[in-house]
Amino acid sequence: MSEASGGLVLEDFVGATLRICLGPRRVLKGVLVAVDCHANYLLDKVVEHNEEMVRELGLVSVPSKSVVSVKMDSSQFNKIRDERISIKGKMVKDT
């Protein structure tokens, strides 16, 4: 992941609410539950937004190849980043 992400990896965002764009008119919003070895997303409490309607989907597997972009609230991102920095700062090598 890029430096803009603060050195975070996708797994650090488990539990976060994500907005996943699947195209110009289709967005899924849900809580990240898991990520597999191919970077496919498993989201819970998913709500799909498109031009025609909004519908609740529940638990959804999203193939990474269909993802155009992933967004999240900046305050939630900053909280996750700060927690990871705090955890890394407390880690000490055991000798």
Protein backbone atom coordinates (compact mmCIF):
# COMPACT_ATOMS: atom_id res chain seq x y z
CA MET A 1 0.00 0.00 0.00
CA SER A 2 1.22 3.53 -0.65
CA GLU A 3 2.73 5.91 1.87
CA ALA A 4 -0.49 7.96 1.65
CA SER A 5 -2.14 5.11 3.56
CA GLY A 6 0.28 5.59 6.45
CA GLY A 7 1.84 2.15 5.95
CA LEU A 8 -1.47 0.40 6.57
CA VAL A 9 -2.50 -2.81 4.85
CA LEU A 10 -6.00 -3.82 3.80
CA GLU A 11 -6.44 -6.10 6.82
CA ASP A 12 -6.02 -3.09 9.12
CA PHE A 13 -9.41 -1.86 7.93
CA VAL A 14 -11.41 -4.89 9.12
CA GLY A 15 -14.36 -3.46 11.04
CA ALA A 16 -14.34 -0.19 9.10
CA THR A 17 -17.24 1.04 6.99
CA LEU A 18 -16.20 1.24 3.34
CA ARG A 19 -17.78 2.70 0.21
CA ILE A 20 -16.82 0.51 -2.73
CA CYS A 21 -17.49 1.87 -6.20
CA LEU A 22 -18.20 -0.84 -8.77
CA GLY A 23 -18.85 1.52 -11.65
CA PRO A 24 -20.13 4.98 -12.42
CA ARG A 25 -23.60 4.22 -11.05
CA ARG A 26 -23.14 1.44 -8.48
CA VAL A 27 -21.79 1.82 -4.94
CA LEU A 28 -21.77 -0.65 -2.06
CA LYS A 29 -21.49 0.59 1.51
CA GLY A 30 -20.76 -1.91 4.26
CA VAL A 31 -18.51 -3.08 7.08
CA LEU A 32 -15.34 -4.91 6.07
CA VAL A 33 -15.36 -8.36 7.65
CA ALA A 34 -12.46 -10.08 5.88
CA VAL A 35 -10.07 -9.94 2.96
CA ASP A 36 -8.78 -13.06 1.20
CA CYS A 37 -5.38 -13.73 -0.38
CA HIS A 38 -6.63 -12.26 -3.69
CA ALA A 39 -7.75 -9.01 -2.00
CA ASN A 40 -11.44 -9.87 -2.45
CA TYR A 41 -13.63 -8.10 0.10
CA LEU A 42 -16.22 -9.63 2.41
CA LEU A 43 -18.63 -6.92 3.57
CA ASP A 44 -21.50 -7.12 6.04
CA LYS A 45 -24.52 -4.86 6.48
CA VAL A 46 -24.18 -3.89 2.83
CA VAL A 47 -26.44 -1.31 1.23
CA GLU A 48 -26.30 -0.94 -2.56
CA HIS A 49 -26.85 2.48 -4.09
CA ASN A 50 -27.49 2.87 -7.81
CA GLU A 51 -29.41 5.25 -10.07
CA GLU A 52 -32.66 3.37 -9.72
CA MET A 53 -32.80 2.31 -6.08
CA VAL A 54 -31.24 1.70 -2.70
CA ARG A 55 -31.43 -1.84 -1.35
CA GLU A 56 -30.12 -3.77 1.63
CA LEU A 57 -28.02 -6.80 0.68
CA GLY A 58 -26.58 -8.05 3.98
CA LEU A 59 -23.38 -10.13 3.62
CA VAL A 60 -21.64 -9.71 0.24
CA SER A 61 -18.43 -10.98 -1.33
CA VAL A 62 -16.90 -8.39 -3.68
CA PRO A 63 -14.28 -9.58 -6.19
CA SER A 64 -11.31 -7.21 -6.23
CA LYS A 65 -11.28 -7.18 -10.03
CA SER A 66 -14.71 -5.49 -10.03
CA VAL A 67 -13.65 -2.69 -7.64
CA VAL A 68 -13.12 0.74 -9.21
CA SER A 69 -12.37 2.59 -5.95
CA VAL A 70 -12.61 2.25 -2.18
CA LYS A 71 -13.38 5.20 0.08
CA MET A 72 -13.95 5.73 3.76
CA ASP A 73 -14.60 8.60 6.13
CA SER A 74 -11.35 10.48 6.80
CA SER A 75 -11.93 10.57 10.57
CA GLN A 76 -12.31 6.78 10.60
CA PHE A 77 -9.15 6.40 8.50
CA ASN A 78 -7.19 8.69 10.84
CA LYS A 79 -8.39 6.76 13.89
CA ILE A 80 -7.25 3.44 12.40
CA ARG A 81 -3.90 4.92 11.36
CA ASP A 82 -3.32 6.43 14.81
CA GLU A 83 -4.20 3.15 16.54
CA ARG A 84 -1.72 1.24 14.35
CA ILE A 85 1.02 3.79 15.02
CA SER A 86 0.33 3.49 18.75
CA ILE A 87 0.50 -0.32 18.61
CA LYS A 88 3.73 -0.29 16.60
CA GLY A 89 5.25 2.18 19.07
CA LYS A 90 4.54 -0.21 21.96
CA MET A 91 6.11 -3.23 20.29
CA VAL A 92 9.49 -4.17 21.70
CA LYS A 93 11.81 -6.85 20.40
CA ASP A 94 12.04 -9.76 22.84
CA THR A 95 15.62 -10.86 23.47
